[in-house]
Amino acid sequence: RKVNLLEATLDQIATLTDIYSAYTTLDCEFETGNMQTLFGEMSEEDKRTYNFDVNRINWPEYVQEIHIPGLKRHVLKIG
């Protein structure tokens, strides 16, 4: 049983390594200027209806609380 658990854990680590290894060497910066311009030109009513103000996204929180748990649940099927 311990061997199976260890094997499953190693498989998960290998999968995560495959998914994220490319990101460890990238130096990317996402451009949001067009989104900000579009949002700035919208009426107040549309801003409330289609709230996609990228300046309000807390990226560390998003990655830790939404993105990673979503990957674990839906891609890796753990948790």
C-alpha atoms as a PDB file:
ATOM      1  CA  ARG A   1       0.000   0.000   0.000  1.00  0.00           C
ATOM      2  CA  LYS A   2       2.826   2.433   0.836  1.00  0.00           C
ATOM      3  CA  VAL A   3       4.450   1.621  -2.492  1.00  0.00           C
ATOM      4  CA  ASN A   4       1.228   2.472  -4.355  1.00  0.00           C
ATOM      5  CA  LEU A   5       0.901   5.764  -2.487  1.00  0.00           C
ATOM      6  CA  LEU A   6       4.520   6.632  -3.190  1.00  0.00           C
ATOM      7  CA  GLU A   7       4.108   5.729  -6.855  1.00  0.00           C
ATOM      8  CA  ALA A   8       0.958   7.864  -7.139  1.00  0.00           C
ATOM      9  CA  THR A   9       2.722  10.783  -5.469  1.00  0.00           C
ATOM     10  CA  LEU A  10       5.690  10.489  -7.808  1.00  0.00           C
ATOM     11  CA  ASP A  11       3.326  10.358 -10.790  1.00  0.00           C
ATOM     12  CA  GLN A  12       1.662  13.563  -9.587  1.00  0.00           C
ATOM     13  CA  ILE A  13       5.020  15.253  -9.162  1.00  0.00           C
ATOM     14  CA  ALA A  14       6.041  14.182 -12.663  1.00  0.00           C
ATOM     15  CA  THR A  15       2.774  15.514 -14.081  1.00  0.00           C
ATOM     16  CA  LEU A  16       3.175  18.861 -12.318  1.00  0.00           C
ATOM     17  CA  THR A  17       6.761  19.049 -13.523  1.00  0.00           C
ATOM     18  CA  ASP A  18       5.596  18.460 -17.091  1.00  0.00           C
ATOM     19  CA  ILE A  19       2.927  21.149 -16.775  1.00  0.00           C
ATOM     20  CA  TYR A  20       5.015  23.837 -15.113  1.00  0.00           C
ATOM     21  CA  SER A  21       8.589  23.228 -16.235  1.00  0.00           C
ATOM     22  CA  ALA A  22       8.229  25.526 -19.241  1.00  0.00           C
ATOM     23  CA  TYR A  23       7.087  28.363 -16.994  1.00  0.00           C
ATOM     24  CA  THR A  24      10.182  28.211 -14.820  1.00  0.00           C
ATOM     25  CA  THR A  25      12.403  29.593 -17.571  1.00  0.00           C
ATOM     26  CA  LEU A  26      10.036  32.085 -19.185  1.00  0.00           C
ATOM     27  CA  ASP A  27      10.272  35.803 -18.658  1.00  0.00           C
ATOM     28  CA  CYS A  28       6.779  36.863 -19.705  1.00  0.00           C
ATOM     29  CA  GLU A  29       4.806  39.993 -19.167  1.00  0.00           C
ATOM     30  CA  PHE A  30       1.157  40.059 -20.120  1.00  0.00           C
ATOM     31  CA  GLU A  31      -0.115  43.157 -21.881  1.00  0.00           C
ATOM     32  CA  THR A  32      -3.507  44.363 -20.673  1.00  0.00           C
ATOM     33  CA  GLY A  33      -3.578  47.799 -22.305  1.00  0.00           C
ATOM     34  CA  ASN A  34      -6.328  46.950 -24.789  1.00  0.00           C
ATOM     35  CA  MET A  35      -8.512  45.478 -22.046  1.00  0.00           C
ATOM     36  CA  GLN A  36      -7.981  48.553 -19.892  1.00  0.00           C
ATOM     37  CA  THR A  37      -8.845  50.861 -22.792  1.00  0.00           C
ATOM     38  CA  LEU A  38     -11.994  48.905 -23.594  1.00  0.00           C
ATOM     39  CA  PHE A  39     -13.089  48.857 -19.963  1.00  0.00           C
ATOM     40  CA  GLY A  40     -12.418  52.595 -19.663  1.00  0.00           C
ATOM     41  CA  GLU A  41     -14.648  53.331 -22.666  1.00  0.00           C
ATOM     42  CA  MET A  42     -17.602  51.316 -21.378  1.00  0.00           C
ATOM     43  CA  SER A  43     -20.659  52.900 -19.790  1.00  0.00           C
ATOM     44  CA  GLU A  44     -20.985  52.559 -16.026  1.00  0.00           C
ATOM     45  CA  GLU A  45     -23.870  50.135 -16.540  1.00  0.00           C
ATOM     46  CA  ASP A  46     -21.779  47.934 -18.849  1.00  0.00           C
ATOM     47  CA  LYS A  47     -18.881  48.073 -16.394  1.00  0.00           C
ATOM     48  CA  ARG A  48     -21.165  46.668 -13.707  1.00  0.00           C
ATOM     49  CA  THR A  49     -22.593  44.039 -16.069  1.00  0.00           C
ATOM     50  CA  TYR A  50     -19.272  42.945 -17.607  1.00  0.00           C
ATOM     51  CA  ASN A  51     -16.899  43.492 -14.718  1.00  0.00           C
ATOM     52  CA  PHE A  52     -13.511  42.517 -16.148  1.00  0.00           C
ATOM     53  CA  ASP A  53     -11.312  45.279 -14.766  1.00  0.00           C
ATOM     54  CA  VAL A  54      -7.898  43.576 -14.919  1.00  0.00           C
ATOM     55  CA  ASN A  55      -6.511  46.068 -12.400  1.00  0.00           C
ATOM     56  CA  ARG A  56      -8.659  44.465  -9.709  1.00  0.00           C
ATOM     57  CA  ILE A  57      -7.205  40.967 -10.120  1.00  0.00           C
ATOM     58  CA  ASN A  58      -5.020  39.892  -7.226  1.00  0.00           C
ATOM     59  CA  TRP A  59      -2.739  37.589  -9.220  1.00  0.00           C
ATOM     60  CA  PRO A  60      -0.972  35.818  -6.330  1.00  0.00           C
ATOM     61  CA  GLU A  61      -4.347  35.098  -4.727  1.00  0.00           C
ATOM     62  CA  TYR A  62      -5.819  33.973  -8.057  1.00  0.00           C
ATOM     63  CA  VAL A  63      -2.973  31.549  -8.735  1.00  0.00           C
ATOM     64  CA  GLN A  64      -2.933  30.117  -5.206  1.00  0.00           C
ATOM     65  CA  GLU A  65      -6.659  30.020  -4.483  1.00  0.00           C
ATOM     66  CA  ILE A  66      -8.198  29.364  -7.917  1.00  0.00           C
ATOM     67  CA  HIS A  67      -5.726  28.280 -10.601  1.00  0.00           C
ATOM     68  CA  ILE A  68      -3.703  25.681  -8.667  1.00  0.00           C
ATOM     69  CA  PRO A  69      -6.733  24.122  -6.919  1.00  0.00           C
ATOM     70  CA  GLY A  70      -8.519  23.980 -10.284  1.00  0.00           C
ATOM     71  CA  LEU A  71      -5.591  22.185 -11.883  1.00  0.00           C
ATOM     72  CA  LYS A  72      -5.443  19.732  -9.023  1.00  0.00           C
ATOM     73  CA  ARG A  73      -9.171  19.030  -9.129  1.00  0.00           C
ATOM     74  CA  HIS A  74      -9.878  19.038 -12.862  1.00  0.00           C
ATOM     75  CA  VAL A  75      -6.578  18.168 -14.547  1.00  0.00           C
ATOM     76  CA  LEU A  76      -4.767  15.992 -12.037  1.00  0.00           C
ATOM     77  CA  LYS A  77      -8.007  14.626 -10.528  1.00  0.00           C
ATOM     78  CA  ILE A  78      -6.741  14.904  -6.957  1.00  0.00           C
ATOM     79  CA  GLY A  79      -8.485  16.466  -3.997  1.00  0.00           C
END
